C-alpha atoms as a PDB file:
ATOM      1  CA  MET A   1      10.719 -66.237 -39.946  1.00  0.00           C
ATOM      2  CA  ALA A   2       7.212 -67.632 -40.422  1.00  0.00           C
ATOM      3  CA  PRO A   3       6.051 -68.427 -43.956  1.00  0.00           C
ATOM      4  CA  LYS A   4       3.793 -65.851 -45.596  1.00  0.00           C
ATOM      5  CA  GLU A   5       1.832 -68.520 -47.434  1.00  0.00           C
ATOM      6  CA  LEU A   6       0.782 -72.073 -46.517  1.00  0.00           C
ATOM      7  CA  ASN A   7      -0.776 -74.817 -48.615  1.00  0.00           C
ATOM      8  CA  PHE A   8      -3.455 -76.493 -46.524  1.00  0.00           C
ATOM      9  CA  ILE A   9      -3.819 -79.976 -47.977  1.00  0.00           C
ATOM     10  CA  THR A  10      -7.538 -80.670 -47.787  1.00  0.00           C
ATOM     11  CA  GLY A  11     -10.569 -80.853 -50.005  1.00  0.00           C
ATOM     12  CA  ASN A  12     -12.875 -80.185 -47.051  1.00  0.00           C
ATOM     13  CA  LYS A  13     -14.194 -76.614 -47.185  1.00  0.00           C
ATOM     14  CA  ASN A  14     -15.323 -76.751 -43.539  1.00  0.00           C
ATOM     15  CA  LYS A  15     -11.815 -77.666 -42.367  1.00  0.00           C
ATOM     16  CA  LEU A  16     -10.424 -74.841 -44.502  1.00  0.00           C
ATOM     17  CA  ALA A  17     -12.830 -72.300 -42.965  1.00  0.00           C
ATOM     18  CA  GLU A  18     -11.953 -73.496 -39.448  1.00  0.00           C
ATOM     19  CA  VAL A  19      -8.196 -73.210 -40.006  1.00  0.00           C
ATOM     20  CA  LYS A  20      -8.604 -69.787 -41.631  1.00  0.00           C
ATOM     21  CA  ALA A  21     -10.558 -68.639 -38.567  1.00  0.00           C
ATOM     22  CA  ILE A  22      -7.805 -69.919 -36.259  1.00  0.00           C
ATOM     23  CA  LEU A  23      -4.909 -68.410 -38.229  1.00  0.00           C
ATOM     24  CA  GLY A  24      -6.681 -65.161 -39.080  1.00  0.00           C
ATOM     25  CA  ASP A  25      -4.635 -62.890 -41.302  1.00  0.00           C
ATOM     26  CA  THR A  26      -1.240 -64.036 -39.976  1.00  0.00           C
ATOM     27  CA  VAL A  27      -0.653 -66.138 -43.100  1.00  0.00           C
ATOM     28  CA  VAL A  28      -2.214 -66.526 -46.536  1.00  0.00           C
ATOM     29  CA  LEU A  29      -3.817 -69.962 -46.601  1.00  0.00           C
ATOM     30  CA  LYS A  30      -4.254 -71.706 -49.931  1.00  0.00           C
ATOM     31  CA  SER A  31      -6.197 -74.945 -50.171  1.00  0.00           C
ATOM     32  CA  GLN A  32      -4.949 -77.871 -52.211  1.00  0.00           C
ATOM     33  CA  ALA A  33      -7.022 -81.050 -52.539  1.00  0.00           C
ATOM     34  CA  LEU A  34      -4.573 -83.911 -53.025  1.00  0.00           C
ATOM     35  CA  ASP A  35      -5.401 -87.588 -52.762  1.00  0.00           C
ATOM     36  CA  LEU A  36      -2.980 -88.680 -50.031  1.00  0.00           C
ATOM     37  CA  LEU A  37      -2.715 -92.299 -48.950  1.00  0.00           C
ATOM     38  CA  GLU A  38      -3.909 -92.670 -45.360  1.00  0.00           C
ATOM     39  CA  ILE A  39      -1.919 -95.338 -43.549  1.00  0.00           C
ATOM     40  CA  GLN A  40      -3.021 -97.274 -40.484  1.00  0.00           C
ATOM     41  CA  GLY A  41      -1.398 -96.352 -37.197  1.00  0.00           C
ATOM     42  CA  THR A  42      -1.719 -93.878 -34.373  1.00  0.00           C
ATOM     43  CA  ILE A  43      -3.095 -90.386 -35.001  1.00  0.00           C
ATOM     44  CA  GLU A  44       0.470 -89.093 -34.753  1.00  0.00           C
ATOM     45  CA  GLU A  45       1.791 -91.615 -37.304  1.00  0.00           C
ATOM     46  CA  ILE A  46      -1.085 -90.911 -39.702  1.00  0.00           C
ATOM     47  CA  SER A  47      -0.654 -87.123 -39.488  1.00  0.00           C
ATOM     48  CA  LEU A  48       3.130 -87.342 -39.837  1.00  0.00           C
ATOM     49  CA  HIS A  49       2.806 -89.581 -42.907  1.00  0.00           C
ATOM     50  CA  LYS A  50       0.281 -87.203 -44.503  1.00  0.00           C
ATOM     51  CA  CYS A  51       2.537 -84.208 -43.883  1.00  0.00           C
ATOM     52  CA  ARG A  52       5.649 -85.964 -45.207  1.00  0.00           C
ATOM     53  CA  THR A  53       3.776 -87.120 -48.311  1.00  0.00           C
ATOM     54  CA  ALA A  54       2.508 -83.586 -48.962  1.00  0.00           C
ATOM     55  CA  ALA A  55       6.026 -82.219 -48.415  1.00  0.00           C
ATOM     56  CA  ASP A  56       7.379 -84.813 -50.875  1.00  0.00           C
ATOM     57  CA  LEU A  57       4.869 -83.549 -53.426  1.00  0.00           C
ATOM     58  CA  VAL A  58       6.212 -80.026 -52.897  1.00  0.00           C
ATOM     59  CA  CYS A  59       9.775 -81.272 -53.382  1.00  0.00           C
ATOM     60  CA  MET A  60       8.809 -83.232 -56.507  1.00  0.00           C
ATOM     61  CA  GLN A  61       6.967 -80.206 -57.893  1.00  0.00           C
ATOM     62  CA  SER A  62      10.065 -78.106 -57.397  1.00  0.00           C
ATOM     63  CA  GLN A  63      12.277 -80.709 -59.092  1.00  0.00           C
ATOM     64  CA  LEU A  64       9.864 -81.071 -62.017  1.00  0.00           C
ATOM     65  CA  HIS A  65       9.769 -77.320 -62.446  1.00  0.00           C
ATOM     66  CA  ARG A  66      13.550 -76.992 -62.358  1.00  0.00           C
ATOM     67  CA  LYS A  67      14.103 -79.816 -64.834  1.00  0.00           C
ATOM     68  CA  SER A  68      11.221 -78.630 -67.044  1.00  0.00           C
ATOM     69  CA  LEU A  69       9.821 -82.140 -67.299  1.00  0.00           C
ATOM     70  CA  LEU A  70       6.566 -82.090 -69.193  1.00  0.00           C
ATOM     71  CA  VAL A  71       5.280 -85.537 -68.255  1.00  0.00           C
ATOM     72  CA  ARG A  72       1.498 -85.593 -68.510  1.00  0.00           C
ATOM     73  CA  SER A  73      -0.041 -87.815 -65.862  1.00  0.00           C
ATOM     74  CA  PRO A  74      -2.593 -87.222 -63.094  1.00  0.00           C
ATOM     75  CA  LEU A  75       0.108 -87.623 -60.433  1.00  0.00           C
ATOM     76  CA  THR A  76       2.390 -85.118 -62.148  1.00  0.00           C
ATOM     77  CA  GLN A  77      -0.493 -82.665 -62.333  1.00  0.00           C
ATOM     78  CA  GLN A  78      -0.903 -83.011 -58.547  1.00  0.00           C
ATOM     79  CA  TYR A  79       2.808 -82.319 -58.059  1.00  0.00           C
ATOM     80  CA  ARG A  80       2.490 -79.117 -60.047  1.00  0.00           C
ATOM     81  CA  GLN A  81      -0.431 -77.888 -57.940  1.00  0.00           C
ATOM     82  CA  VAL A  82       1.576 -77.536 -54.731  1.00  0.00           C
ATOM     83  CA  GLY A  83       4.406 -75.133 -54.020  1.00  0.00           C
ATOM     84  CA  GLY A  84       5.799 -74.017 -50.684  1.00  0.00           C
ATOM     85  CA  PRO A  85       5.184 -75.082 -47.074  1.00  0.00           C
ATOM     86  CA  VAL A  86       2.324 -77.464 -46.328  1.00  0.00           C
ATOM     87  CA  LEU A  87      -0.143 -77.935 -43.490  1.00  0.00           C
ATOM     88  CA  VAL A  88      -2.244 -81.056 -42.941  1.00  0.00           C
ATOM     89  CA  GLU A  89      -4.878 -81.819 -40.332  1.00  0.00           C
ATOM     90  CA  ASP A  90      -6.224 -85.101 -39.033  1.00  0.00           C
ATOM     91  CA  THR A  91      -8.513 -85.740 -36.097  1.00  0.00           C
ATOM     92  CA  CYS A  92      -9.869 -88.730 -34.241  1.00  0.00           C
ATOM     93  CA  LEU A  93     -12.241 -89.492 -31.406  1.00  0.00           C
ATOM     94  CA  SER A  94     -11.032 -91.792 -28.652  1.00  0.00           C
ATOM     95  CA  PHE A  95     -12.138 -92.576 -25.126  1.00  0.00           C
ATOM     96  CA  ASN A  96      -9.776 -93.700 -22.358  1.00  0.00           C
ATOM     97  CA  ALA A  97     -12.563 -95.835 -20.865  1.00  0.00           C
ATOM     98  CA  PHE A  98     -12.845 -97.707 -24.195  1.00  0.00           C
ATOM     99  CA  ASN A  99      -9.106 -98.352 -24.591  1.00  0.00           C
ATOM    100  CA  GLU A 100      -8.688 -95.375 -26.981  1.00  0.00           C
ATOM    101  CA  LEU A 101     -11.490 -96.567 -29.276  1.00  0.00           C
ATOM    102  CA  PRO A 102     -12.918 -95.799 -31.794  1.00  0.00           C
ATOM    103  CA  GLY A 103      -9.681 -93.961 -32.674  1.00  0.00           C
ATOM    104  CA  PRO A 104      -8.515 -92.606 -36.037  1.00  0.00           C
ATOM    105  CA  TYR A 105     -10.515 -95.017 -38.209  1.00  0.00           C
ATOM    106  CA  MET A 106     -14.042 -93.831 -37.533  1.00  0.00           C
END
């Protein structure tokens, strides 16, 4: 069964509007702006890392909630913002003729 609600991890309002247009009313899309570390690698590695990190935040939020930990730090506040399934998006521009450059770092 598909989730009824997704947390789209982005602070970019244009990306949010685009994804909402694509998904329509099939799912309620909430936007969460989290500062996720962006590693170097292929577009697939970067996107996978972002998604796993966001999912870890969801897991940590759930654990913090269950244990009723009231630690006050900026990172803990981010954990508490997210709950449920996550969606991330990352794009890049590459050209075969230029050996896949400029790639994900432009």
